[in-house]
Amino acid sequence: MSESELVYSTEVGRIKTVPTPPEKAKGDGIVRIQRQVSGRKGSAVCVISGLDLTESELKSLATELKKRCACGGAIKNHCIEIQGDKRPLIKQLLEQKGFQVKFIGG
């Protein structure tokens, strides 16, 4: 929107509707599991990204993964973080749910 477009007037009120934020981008259908250590004081964390799920579905999947892996975790920036290096177990669990999974990074 350019600076010269009229959006609101005191005489008429709102002239244009404010654009809504775009929906989250669709991924390529591949779930990626990455092991991260840097910035975490040497503790390994598995970051699961590329999940095309709603917020509630993401929370329930994270809860299930944390229970099955017997560890803690969190959801940050639409990614699931699972404490510890549990990549093979996470991959097996996600593939049983029908996801296509790849390991990325070291």
PDB file of N, CA and C in Angstrom:
ATOM      1  N   MET A   1       0.860  -1.157   0.000  1.00  0.00           N
ATOM      2  CA  MET A   1       0.000   0.000   0.000  1.00  0.00           C
ATOM      3  C   MET A   1       0.909   1.224   0.000  1.00  0.00           C
ATOM      4  N   SER A   2       0.653   2.172  -0.891  1.00  0.00           N
ATOM      5  CA  SER A   2       1.457   3.385  -0.942  1.00  0.00           C
ATOM      6  C   SER A   2       0.995   4.353   0.139  1.00  0.00           C
ATOM      7  N   GLU A   3       1.827   5.329   0.431  1.00  0.00           N
ATOM      8  CA  GLU A   3       1.520   6.267   1.495  1.00  0.00           C
ATOM      9  C   GLU A   3       0.374   7.211   1.144  1.00  0.00           C
ATOM     10  N   SER A   4       0.072   7.364  -0.145  1.00  0.00           N
ATOM     11  CA  SER A   4      -0.947   8.316  -0.550  1.00  0.00           C
ATOM     12  C   SER A   4      -2.363   7.722  -0.599  1.00  0.00           C
ATOM     13  N   GLU A   5      -2.514   6.418  -0.367  1.00  0.00           N
ATOM     14  CA  GLU A   5      -3.844   5.819  -0.406  1.00  0.00           C
ATOM     15  C   GLU A   5      -4.617   6.190   0.845  1.00  0.00           C
ATOM     16  N   LEU A   6      -5.866   6.527   0.668  1.00  0.00           N
ATOM     17  CA  LEU A   6      -6.721   6.918   1.769  1.00  0.00           C
ATOM     18  C   LEU A   6      -7.325   5.663   2.397  1.00  0.00           C
ATOM     19  N   VAL A   7      -7.132   5.504   3.700  1.00  0.00           N
ATOM     20  CA  VAL A   7      -7.623   4.337   4.402  1.00  0.00           C
ATOM     21  C   VAL A   7      -8.748   4.712   5.364  1.00  0.00           C
ATOM     22  N   TYR A   8      -8.652   5.881   5.959  1.00  0.00           N
ATOM     23  CA  TYR A   8      -9.635   6.300   6.947  1.00  0.00           C
ATOM     24  C   TYR A   8      -9.898   7.788   6.777  1.00  0.00           C
ATOM     25  N   SER A   9     -11.135   8.186   6.929  1.00  0.00           N
ATOM     26  CA  SER A   9     -11.509   9.586   6.861  1.00  0.00           C
ATOM     27  C   SER A   9     -12.399   9.891   8.045  1.00  0.00           C
ATOM     28  N   THR A  10     -12.238  11.069   8.648  1.00  0.00           N
ATOM     29  CA  THR A  10     -13.067  11.429   9.792  1.00  0.00           C
ATOM     30  C   THR A  10     -14.507  11.668   9.375  1.00  0.00           C
ATOM     31  N   GLU A  11     -14.725  11.985   8.116  1.00  0.00           N
ATOM     32  CA  GLU A  11     -16.079  12.210   7.633  1.00  0.00           C
ATOM     33  C   GLU A  11     -16.829  10.902   7.377  1.00  0.00           C
ATOM     34  N   VAL A  12     -16.156   9.922   6.765  1.00  0.00           N
ATOM     35  CA  VAL A  12     -16.820   8.699   6.342  1.00  0.00           C
ATOM     36  C   VAL A  12     -16.456   7.490   7.215  1.00  0.00           C
ATOM     37  N   GLY A  13     -15.323   7.502   7.840  1.00  0.00           N
ATOM     38  CA  GLY A  13     -14.856   6.345   8.605  1.00  0.00           C
ATOM     39  C   GLY A  13     -13.897   5.514   7.772  1.00  0.00           C
ATOM     40  N   ARG A  14     -13.913   4.223   7.995  1.00  0.00           N
ATOM     41  CA  ARG A  14     -12.997   3.332   7.286  1.00  0.00           C
ATOM     42  C   ARG A  14     -13.389   3.236   5.822  1.00  0.00           C
ATOM     43  N   ILE A  15     -12.407   3.451   4.941  1.00  0.00           N
ATOM     44  CA  ILE A  15     -12.650   3.413   3.512  1.00  0.00           C
ATOM     45  C   ILE A  15     -12.183   2.078   2.927  1.00  0.00           C
ATOM     46  N   LYS A  16     -11.026   1.622   3.375  1.00  0.00           N
ATOM     47  CA  LYS A  16     -10.484   0.351   2.899  1.00  0.00           C
ATOM     48  C   LYS A  16     -10.335  -0.601   4.071  1.00  0.00           C
ATOM     49  N   THR A  17     -10.466  -1.859   3.793  1.00  0.00           N
ATOM     50  CA  THR A  17     -10.198  -2.826   4.843  1.00  0.00           C
ATOM     51  C   THR A  17      -8.696  -3.066   4.914  1.00  0.00           C
ATOM     52  N   VAL A  18      -8.201  -3.235   6.102  1.00  0.00           N
ATOM     53  CA  VAL A  18      -6.781  -3.500   6.298  1.00  0.00           C
ATOM     54  C   VAL A  18      -6.532  -4.942   5.891  1.00  0.00           C
ATOM     55  N   PRO A  19      -5.493  -5.194   5.074  1.00  0.00           N
ATOM     56  CA  PRO A  19      -5.251  -6.565   4.624  1.00  0.00           C
ATOM     57  C   PRO A  19      -4.930  -7.488   5.797  1.00  0.00           C
ATOM     58  N   THR A  20      -5.441  -8.709   5.735  1.00  0.00           N
ATOM     59  CA  THR A  20      -5.163  -9.686   6.772  1.00  0.00           C
ATOM     60  C   THR A  20      -3.809 -10.323   6.500  1.00  0.00           C
ATOM     61  N   PRO A  21      -3.135 -10.790   7.539  1.00  0.00           N
ATOM     62  CA  PRO A  21      -1.842 -11.438   7.300  1.00  0.00           C
ATOM     63  C   PRO A  21      -2.023 -12.710   6.480  1.00  0.00           C
ATOM     64  N   PRO A  22      -1.052 -13.034   5.636  1.00  0.00           N
ATOM     65  CA  PRO A  22      -1.190 -14.222   4.801  1.00  0.00           C
ATOM     66  C   PRO A  22      -1.167 -15.487   5.648  1.00  0.00           C
ATOM     67  N   GLU A  23      -1.802 -16.539   5.131  1.00  0.00           N
ATOM     68  CA  GLU A  23      -1.783 -17.821   5.821  1.00  0.00           C
ATOM     69  C   GLU A  23      -0.366 -18.366   5.800  1.00  0.00           C
ATOM     70  N   LYS A  24      -0.079 -19.274   6.732  1.00  0.00           N
ATOM     71  CA  LYS A  24       1.268 -19.818   6.777  1.00  0.00           C
ATOM     72  C   LYS A  24       1.568 -20.567   5.486  1.00  0.00           C
ATOM     73  N   ALA A  25       2.792 -20.458   5.054  1.00  0.00           N
ATOM     74  CA  ALA A  25       3.178 -21.039   3.775  1.00  0.00           C
ATOM     75  C   ALA A  25       3.144 -22.555   3.846  1.00  0.00           C
ATOM     76  N   LYS A  26       2.691 -23.159   2.790  1.00  0.00           N
ATOM     77  CA  LYS A  26       2.678 -24.613   2.710  1.00  0.00           C
ATOM     78  C   LYS A  26       4.096 -25.100   2.469  1.00  0.00           C
ATOM     79  N   GLY A  27       4.477 -26.156   3.156  1.00  0.00           N
ATOM     80  CA  GLY A  27       5.804 -26.716   2.975  1.00  0.00           C
ATOM     81  C   GLY A  27       5.836 -27.654   1.779  1.00  0.00           C
ATOM     82  N   ASP A  28       6.954 -28.357   1.644  1.00  0.00           N
ATOM     83  CA  ASP A  28       7.088 -29.290   0.536  1.00  0.00           C
ATOM     84  C   ASP A  28       6.635 -30.696   0.915  1.00  0.00           C
ATOM     85  N   GLY A  29       6.062 -30.842   2.121  1.00  0.00           N
ATOM     86  CA  GLY A  29       5.534 -32.127   2.541  1.00  0.00           C
ATOM     87  C   GLY A  29       6.541 -33.021   3.238  1.00  0.00           C
ATOM     88  N   ILE A  30       7.759 -32.522   3.441  1.00  0.00           N
ATOM     89  CA  ILE A  30       8.800 -33.312   4.088  1.00  0.00           C
ATOM     90  C   ILE A  30       9.044 -32.754   5.484  1.00  0.00           C
ATOM     91  N   VAL A  31       8.984 -33.633   6.476  1.00  0.00           N
ATOM     92  CA  VAL A  31       9.274 -33.241   7.855  1.00  0.00           C
ATOM     93  C   VAL A  31      10.773 -33.432   8.068  1.00  0.00           C
ATOM     94  N   ARG A  32      11.429 -32.415   8.612  1.00  0.00           N
ATOM     95  CA  ARG A  32      12.873 -32.461   8.808  1.00  0.00           C
ATOM     96  C   ARG A  32      13.204 -32.508  10.293  1.00  0.00           C
ATOM     97  N   ILE A  33      14.134 -33.404  10.640  1.00  0.00           N
ATOM     98  CA  ILE A  33      14.578 -33.539  12.019  1.00  0.00           C
ATOM     99  C   ILE A  33      16.050 -33.138  12.066  1.00  0.00           C
ATOM    100  N   GLN A  34      16.355 -32.169  12.909  1.00  0.00           N
ATOM    101  CA  GLN A  34      17.717 -31.653  13.018  1.00  0.00           C
ATOM    102  C   GLN A  34      18.179 -31.742  14.464  1.00  0.00           C
ATOM    103  N   ARG A  35      19.424 -32.136  14.668  1.00  0.00           N
ATOM    104  CA  ARG A  35      20.021 -32.162  16.002  1.00  0.00           C
ATOM    105  C   ARG A  35      20.770 -30.861  16.201  1.00  0.00           C
ATOM    106  N   GLN A  36      20.443 -30.129  17.262  1.00  0.00           N
ATOM    107  CA  GLN A  36      21.113 -28.859  17.560  1.00  0.00           C
ATOM    108  C   GLN A  36      21.795 -28.948  18.913  1.00  0.00           C
ATOM    109  N   VAL A  37      23.019 -28.414  18.964  1.00  0.00           N
ATOM    110  CA  VAL A  37      23.762 -28.368  20.219  1.00  0.00           C
ATOM    111  C   VAL A  37      24.221 -26.941  20.504  1.00  0.00           C
ATOM    112  N   SER A  38      24.533 -26.194  19.442  1.00  0.00           N
ATOM    113  CA  SER A  38      25.093 -24.857  19.625  1.00  0.00           C
ATOM    114  C   SER A  38      24.090 -23.931  20.290  1.00  0.00           C
ATOM    115  N   GLY A  39      24.572 -23.158  21.246  1.00  0.00           N
ATOM    116  CA  GLY A  39      23.719 -22.217  21.954  1.00  0.00           C
ATOM    117  C   GLY A  39      22.857 -22.858  23.017  1.00  0.00           C
ATOM    118  N   ARG A  40      23.095 -24.143  23.289  1.00  0.00           N
ATOM    119  CA  ARG A  40      22.281 -24.860  24.270  1.00  0.00           C
ATOM    120  C   ARG A  40      23.142 -25.473  25.369  1.00  0.00           C
ATOM    121  N   LYS A  41      24.324 -24.896  25.583  1.00  0.00           N
ATOM    122  CA  LYS A  41      25.255 -25.319  26.642  1.00  0.00           C
ATOM    123  C   LYS A  41      25.611 -26.802  26.534  1.00  0.00           C
ATOM    124  N   GLY A  42      25.755 -27.305  25.318  1.00  0.00           N
ATOM    125  CA  GLY A  42      26.184 -28.681  25.095  1.00  0.00           C
ATOM    126  C   GLY A  42      25.084 -29.718  25.122  1.00  0.00           C
ATOM    127  N   SER A  43      23.883 -29.339  25.467  1.00  0.00           N
ATOM    128  CA  SER A  43      22.780 -30.300  25.498  1.00  0.00           C
ATOM    129  C   SER A  43      22.164 -30.431  24.110  1.00  0.00           C
ATOM    130  N   ALA A  44      21.966 -31.664  23.674  1.00  0.00           N
ATOM    131  CA  ALA A  44      21.390 -31.903  22.346  1.00  0.00           C
ATOM    132  C   ALA A  44      19.874 -31.725  22.381  1.00  0.00           C
ATOM    133  N   VAL A  45      19.353 -31.171  21.301  1.00  0.00           N
ATOM    134  CA  VAL A  45      17.917 -30.984  21.135  1.00  0.00           C
ATOM    135  C   VAL A  45      17.571 -31.370  19.701  1.00  0.00           C
ATOM    136  N   CYS A  46      16.490 -32.116  19.517  1.00  0.00           N
ATOM    137  CA  CYS A  46      16.000 -32.446  18.180  1.00  0.00           C
ATOM    138  C   CYS A  46      14.929 -31.431  17.800  1.00  0.00           C
ATOM    139  N   VAL A  47      15.139 -30.748  16.677  1.00  0.00           N
ATOM    140  CA  VAL A  47      14.180 -29.759  16.192  1.00  0.00           C
ATOM    141  C   VAL A  47      13.446 -30.358  15.000  1.00  0.00           C
ATOM    142  N   ILE A  48      12.130 -30.448  15.110  1.00  0.00           N
ATOM    143  CA  ILE A  48      11.291 -31.041  14.067  1.00  0.00           C
ATOM    144  C   ILE A  48      10.576 -29.904  13.358  1.00  0.00           C
ATOM    145  N   SER A  49      10.844 -29.728  12.075  1.00  0.00           N
ATOM    146  CA  SER A  49      10.245 -28.634  11.310  1.00  0.00           C
ATOM    147  C   SER A  49       9.581 -29.192  10.055  1.00  0.00           C
ATOM    148  N   GLY A  50       8.786 -28.340   9.412  1.00  0.00           N
ATOM    149  CA  GLY A  50       8.117 -28.722   8.171  1.00  0.00           C
ATOM    150  C   GLY A  50       6.780 -29.394   8.389  1.00  0.00           C
ATOM    151  N   LEU A  51       6.258 -29.331   9.610  1.00  0.00           N
ATOM    152  CA  LEU A  51       4.955 -29.935   9.890  1.00  0.00           C
ATOM    153  C   LEU A  51       3.857 -28.978   9.445  1.00  0.00           C
ATOM    154  N   ASP A  52       3.009 -29.433   8.561  1.00  0.00           N
ATOM    155  CA  ASP A  52       1.907 -28.614   8.047  1.00  0.00           C
ATOM    156  C   ASP A  52       0.654 -28.921   8.852  1.00  0.00           C
ATOM    157  N   LEU A  53       0.672 -28.495  10.141  1.00  0.00           N
ATOM    158  CA  LEU A  53      -0.424 -28.783  11.058  1.00  0.00           C
ATOM    159  C   LEU A  53      -0.931 -27.495  11.676  1.00  0.00           C
ATOM    160  N   THR A  54      -2.160 -27.543  12.171  1.00  0.00           N
ATOM    161  CA  THR A  54      -2.690 -26.400  12.901  1.00  0.00           C
ATOM    162  C   THR A  54      -2.025 -26.354  14.275  1.00  0.00           C
ATOM    163  N   GLU A  55      -2.221 -25.245  14.975  1.00  0.00           N
ATOM    164  CA  GLU A  55      -1.589 -25.062  16.281  1.00  0.00           C
ATOM    165  C   GLU A  55      -2.021 -26.143  17.276  1.00  0.00           C
ATOM    166  N   SER A  56      -3.310 -26.496  17.292  1.00  0.00           N
ATOM    167  CA  SER A  56      -3.790 -27.512  18.228  1.00  0.00           C
ATOM    168  C   SER A  56      -3.255 -28.905  17.863  1.00  0.00           C
ATOM    169  N   GLU A  57      -3.186 -29.212  16.565  1.00  0.00           N
ATOM    170  CA  GLU A  57      -2.624 -30.493  16.139  1.00  0.00           C
ATOM    171  C   GLU A  57      -1.147 -30.581  16.478  1.00  0.00           C
ATOM    172  N   LEU A  58      -0.442 -29.449  16.342  1.00  0.00           N
ATOM    173  CA  LEU A  58       0.979 -29.411  16.662  1.00  0.00           C
ATOM    174  C   LEU A  58       1.203 -29.657  18.153  1.00  0.00           C
ATOM    175  N   LYS A  59       0.359 -29.060  18.991  1.00  0.00           N
ATOM    176  CA  LYS A  59       0.476 -29.255  20.439  1.00  0.00           C
ATOM    177  C   LYS A  59       0.222 -30.710  20.820  1.00  0.00           C
ATOM    178  N   SER A  60      -0.790 -31.337  20.234  1.00  0.00           N
ATOM    179  CA  SER A  60      -1.085 -32.728  20.580  1.00  0.00           C
ATOM    180  C   SER A  60       0.022 -33.663  20.086  1.00  0.00           C
ATOM    181  N   LEU A  61       0.597 -33.383  18.909  1.00  0.00           N
ATOM    182  CA  LEU A  61       1.704 -34.200  18.404  1.00  0.00           C
ATOM    183  C   LEU A  61       2.926 -34.035  19.300  1.00  0.00           C
ATOM    184  N   ALA A  62       3.214 -32.810  19.727  1.00  0.00           N
ATOM    185  CA  ALA A  62       4.361 -32.569  20.613  1.00  0.00           C
ATOM    186  C   ALA A  62       4.176 -33.310  21.930  1.00  0.00           C
ATOM    187  N   THR A  63       2.973 -33.277  22.469  1.00  0.00           N
ATOM    188  CA  THR A  63       2.691 -33.983  23.721  1.00  0.00           C
ATOM    189  C   THR A  63       2.903 -35.480  23.558  1.00  0.00           C
ATOM    190  N   GLU A  64       2.421 -36.029  22.450  1.00  0.00           N
ATOM    191  CA  GLU A  64       2.592 -37.461  22.209  1.00  0.00           C
ATOM    192  C   GLU A  64       4.065 -37.836  22.045  1.00  0.00           C
ATOM    193  N   LEU A  65       4.820 -37.015  21.303  1.00  0.00           N
ATOM    194  CA  LEU A  65       6.243 -37.303  21.105  1.00  0.00           C
ATOM    195  C   LEU A  65       7.007 -37.229  22.426  1.00  0.00           C
ATOM    196  N   LYS A  66       6.677 -36.245  23.258  1.00  0.00           N
ATOM    197  CA  LYS A  66       7.349 -36.118  24.544  1.00  0.00           C
ATOM    198  C   LYS A  66       7.066 -37.337  25.430  1.00  0.00           C
ATOM    199  N   LYS A  67       5.833 -37.836  25.388  1.00  0.00           N
ATOM    200  CA  LYS A  67       5.488 -39.021  26.184  1.00  0.00           C
ATOM    201  C   LYS A  67       6.207 -40.259  25.666  1.00  0.00           C
ATOM    202  N   ARG A  68       6.207 -40.446  24.353  1.00  0.00           N
ATOM    203  CA  ARG A  68       6.829 -41.640  23.765  1.00  0.00           C
ATOM    204  C   ARG A  68       8.351 -41.625  23.903  1.00  0.00           C
ATOM    205  N   CYS A  69       8.957 -40.433  23.886  1.00  0.00           N
ATOM    206  CA  CYS A  69      10.409 -40.320  24.030  1.00  0.00           C
ATOM    207  C   CYS A  69      10.827 -40.213  25.495  1.00  0.00           C
ATOM    208  N   ALA A  70       9.878 -40.055  26.391  1.00  0.00           N
ATOM    209  CA  ALA A  70      10.131 -39.915  27.825  1.00  0.00           C
ATOM    210  C   ALA A  70      11.095 -38.771  28.112  1.00  0.00           C
ATOM    211  N   CYS A  71      10.786 -37.612  27.557  1.00  0.00           N
ATOM    212  CA  CYS A  71      11.636 -36.438  27.772  1.00  0.00           C
ATOM    213  C   CYS A  71      10.790 -35.176  27.632  1.00  0.00           C
ATOM    214  N   GLY A  72      11.416 -34.043  27.856  1.00  0.00           N
ATOM    215  CA  GLY A  72      10.721 -32.767  27.746  1.00  0.00           C
ATOM    216  C   GLY A  72      10.822 -32.202  26.346  1.00  0.00           C
ATOM    217  N   GLY A  73      10.192 -31.061  26.156  1.00  0.00           N
ATOM    218  CA  GLY A  73      10.230 -30.412  24.859  1.00  0.00           C
ATOM    219  C   GLY A  73       9.378 -29.161  24.855  1.00  0.00           C
ATOM    220  N   ALA A  74       9.334 -28.510  23.704  1.00  0.00           N
ATOM    221  CA  ALA A  74       8.586 -27.260  23.571  1.00  0.00           C
ATOM    222  C   ALA A  74       8.209 -27.053  22.110  1.00  0.00           C
ATOM    223  N   ILE A  75       7.312 -26.077  21.895  1.00  0.00           N
ATOM    224  CA  ILE A  75       6.960 -25.657  20.538  1.00  0.00           C
ATOM    225  C   ILE A  75       7.431 -24.218  20.386  1.00  0.00           C
ATOM    226  N   LYS A  76       8.275 -23.959  19.390  1.00  0.00           N
ATOM    227  CA  LYS A  76       8.768 -22.614  19.126  1.00  0.00           C
ATOM    228  C   LYS A  76       8.783 -22.380  17.619  1.00  0.00           C
ATOM    229  N   ASN A  77       8.210 -21.271  17.186  1.00  0.00           N
ATOM    230  CA  ASN A  77       8.195 -20.883  15.764  1.00  0.00           C
ATOM    231  C   ASN A  77       7.668 -21.991  14.864  1.00  0.00           C
ATOM    232  N   HIS A  78       6.581 -22.623  15.263  1.00  0.00           N
ATOM    233  CA  HIS A  78       5.930 -23.695  14.518  1.00  0.00           C
ATOM    234  C   HIS A  78       6.852 -24.896  14.302  1.00  0.00           C
ATOM    235  N   CYS A  79       7.822 -25.085  15.217  1.00  0.00           N
ATOM    236  CA  CYS A  79       8.706 -26.247  15.228  1.00  0.00           C
ATOM    237  C   CYS A  79       8.594 -26.908  16.593  1.00  0.00           C
ATOM    238  N   ILE A  80       8.757 -28.222  16.619  1.00  0.00           N
ATOM    239  CA  ILE A  80       8.744 -28.951  17.885  1.00  0.00           C
ATOM    240  C   ILE A  80      10.189 -29.213  18.285  1.00  0.00           C
ATOM    241  N   GLU A  81      10.523 -28.900  19.534  1.00  0.00           N
ATOM    242  CA  GLU A  81      11.854 -29.185  20.065  1.00  0.00           C
ATOM    243  C   GLU A  81      11.715 -30.286  21.108  1.00  0.00           C
ATOM    244  N   ILE A  82      12.477 -31.371  20.923  1.00  0.00           N
ATOM    245  CA  ILE A  82      12.479 -32.489  21.855  1.00  0.00           C
ATOM    246  C   ILE A  82      13.873 -32.579  22.469  1.00  0.00           C
ATOM    247  N   GLN A  83      13.936 -32.647  23.793  1.00  0.00           N
ATOM    248  CA  GLN A  83      15.224 -32.693  24.476  1.00  0.00           C
ATOM    249  C   GLN A  83      15.902 -34.041  24.258  1.00  0.00           C
ATOM    250  N   GLY A  84      17.214 -34.005  24.068  1.00  0.00           N
ATOM    251  CA  GLY A  84      17.993 -35.215  23.857  1.00  0.00           C
ATOM    252  C   GLY A  84      18.072 -35.586  22.389  1.00  0.00           C
ATOM    253  N   ASP A  85      18.992 -36.512  22.086  1.00  0.00           N
ATOM    254  CA  ASP A  85      19.163 -36.964  20.703  1.00  0.00           C
ATOM    255  C   ASP A  85      18.317 -38.215  20.487  1.00  0.00           C
ATOM    256  N   LYS A  86      17.060 -38.015  20.123  1.00  0.00           N
ATOM    257  CA  LYS A  86      16.112 -39.106  19.936  1.00  0.00           C
ATOM    258  C   LYS A  86      15.667 -39.207  18.472  1.00  0.00           C
ATOM    259  N   ARG A  87      16.555 -38.828  17.552  1.00  0.00           N
ATOM    260  CA  ARG A  87      16.179 -38.768  16.140  1.00  0.00           C
ATOM    261  C   ARG A  87      15.633 -40.077  15.567  1.00  0.00           C
ATOM    262  N   PRO A  88      16.286 -41.230  15.789  1.00  0.00           N
ATOM    263  CA  PRO A  88      15.729 -42.467  15.199  1.00  0.00           C
ATOM    264  C   PRO A  88      14.324 -42.794  15.707  1.00  0.00           C
ATOM    265  N   LEU A  89      14.083 -42.597  17.004  1.00  0.00           N
ATOM    266  CA  LEU A  89      12.770 -42.880  17.575  1.00  0.00           C
ATOM    267  C   LEU A  89      11.725 -41.902  17.034  1.00  0.00           C
ATOM    268  N   ILE A  90      12.074 -40.628  16.948  1.00  0.00           N
ATOM    269  CA  ILE A  90      11.141 -39.616  16.425  1.00  0.00           C
ATOM    270  C   ILE A  90      10.803 -39.914  14.968  1.00  0.00           C
ATOM    271  N   LYS A  91      11.828 -40.297  14.185  1.00  0.00           N
ATOM    272  CA  LYS A  91      11.586 -40.626  12.775  1.00  0.00           C
ATOM    273  C   LYS A  91      10.628 -41.801  12.658  1.00  0.00           C
ATOM    274  N   GLN A  92      10.835 -42.835  13.462  1.00  0.00           N
ATOM    275  CA  GLN A  92       9.966 -44.010  13.426  1.00  0.00           C
ATOM    276  C   GLN A  92       8.530 -43.634  13.788  1.00  0.00           C
ATOM    277  N   LEU A  93       8.360 -42.826  14.834  1.00  0.00           N
ATOM    278  CA  LEU A  93       7.018 -42.445  15.270  1.00  0.00           C
ATOM    279  C   LEU A  93       6.298 -41.598  14.222  1.00  0.00           C
ATOM    280  N   LEU A  94       7.026 -40.667  13.590  1.00  0.00           N
ATOM    281  CA  LEU A  94       6.409 -39.812  12.584  1.00  0.00           C
ATOM    282  C   LEU A  94       6.067 -40.589  11.308  1.00  0.00           C
ATOM    283  N   GLU A  95       6.920 -41.538  10.934  1.00  0.00           N
ATOM    284  CA  GLU A  95       6.628 -42.342   9.747  1.00  0.00           C
ATOM    285  C   GLU A  95       5.419 -43.242   9.975  1.00  0.00           C
ATOM    286  N   GLN A  96       5.220 -43.705  11.215  1.00  0.00           N
ATOM    287  CA  GLN A  96       4.026 -44.493  11.527  1.00  0.00           C
ATOM    288  C   GLN A  96       2.765 -43.648  11.370  1.00  0.00           C
ATOM    289  N   LYS A  97       2.879 -42.332  11.562  1.00  0.00           N
ATOM    290  CA  LYS A  97       1.743 -41.428  11.406  1.00  0.00           C
ATOM    291  C   LYS A  97       1.551 -40.995   9.954  1.00  0.00           C
ATOM    292  N   GLY A  98       2.432 -41.440   9.047  1.00  0.00           N
ATOM    293  CA  GLY A  98       2.256 -41.160   7.628  1.00  0.00           C
ATOM    294  C   GLY A  98       3.038 -39.971   7.105  1.00  0.00           C
ATOM    295  N   PHE A  99       3.965 -39.424   7.896  1.00  0.00           N
ATOM    296  CA  PHE A  99       4.793 -38.303   7.443  1.00  0.00           C
ATOM    297  C   PHE A  99       6.009 -38.831   6.682  1.00  0.00           C
ATOM    298  N   GLN A 100       6.482 -38.027   5.725  1.00  0.00           N
ATOM    299  CA  GLN A 100       7.736 -38.325   5.040  1.00  0.00           C
ATOM    300  C   GLN A 100       8.824 -37.576   5.809  1.00  0.00           C
ATOM    301  N   VAL A 101       9.836 -38.280   6.317  1.00  0.00           N
ATOM    302  CA  VAL A 101      10.793 -37.697   7.260  1.00  0.00           C
ATOM    303  C   VAL A 101      12.211 -37.799   6.704  1.00  0.00           C
ATOM    304  N   LYS A 102      12.997 -36.718   6.932  1.00  0.00           N
ATOM    305  CA  LYS A 102      14.412 -36.682   6.568  1.00  0.00           C
ATOM    306  C   LYS A 102      15.208 -36.117   7.722  1.00  0.00           C
ATOM    307  N   PHE A 103      16.437 -36.634   7.880  1.00  0.00           N
ATOM    308  CA  PHE A 103      17.377 -36.049   8.827  1.00  0.00           C
ATOM    309  C   PHE A 103      18.142 -34.947   8.099  1.00  0.00           C
ATOM    310  N   ILE A 104      18.376 -33.827   8.770  1.00  0.00           N
ATOM    311  CA  ILE A 104      19.190 -32.755   8.186  1.00  0.00           C
ATOM    312  C   ILE A 104      20.259 -32.384   9.192  1.00  0.00           C
ATOM    313  N   GLY A 105      21.339 -31.839   8.704  1.00  0.00           N
ATOM    314  CA  GLY A 105      22.417 -31.404   9.591  1.00  0.00           C
ATOM    315  C   GLY A 105      23.273 -32.563  10.045  1.00  0.00           C
ATOM    316  N   GLY A 106      24.079 -32.294  11.083  1.00  0.00           N
ATOM    317  CA  GLY A 106      25.045 -33.290  11.551  1.00  0.00           C
ATOM    318  C   GLY A 106      24.587 -34.079  12.639  1.00  0.00           C
TER     319      GLY A 106
END
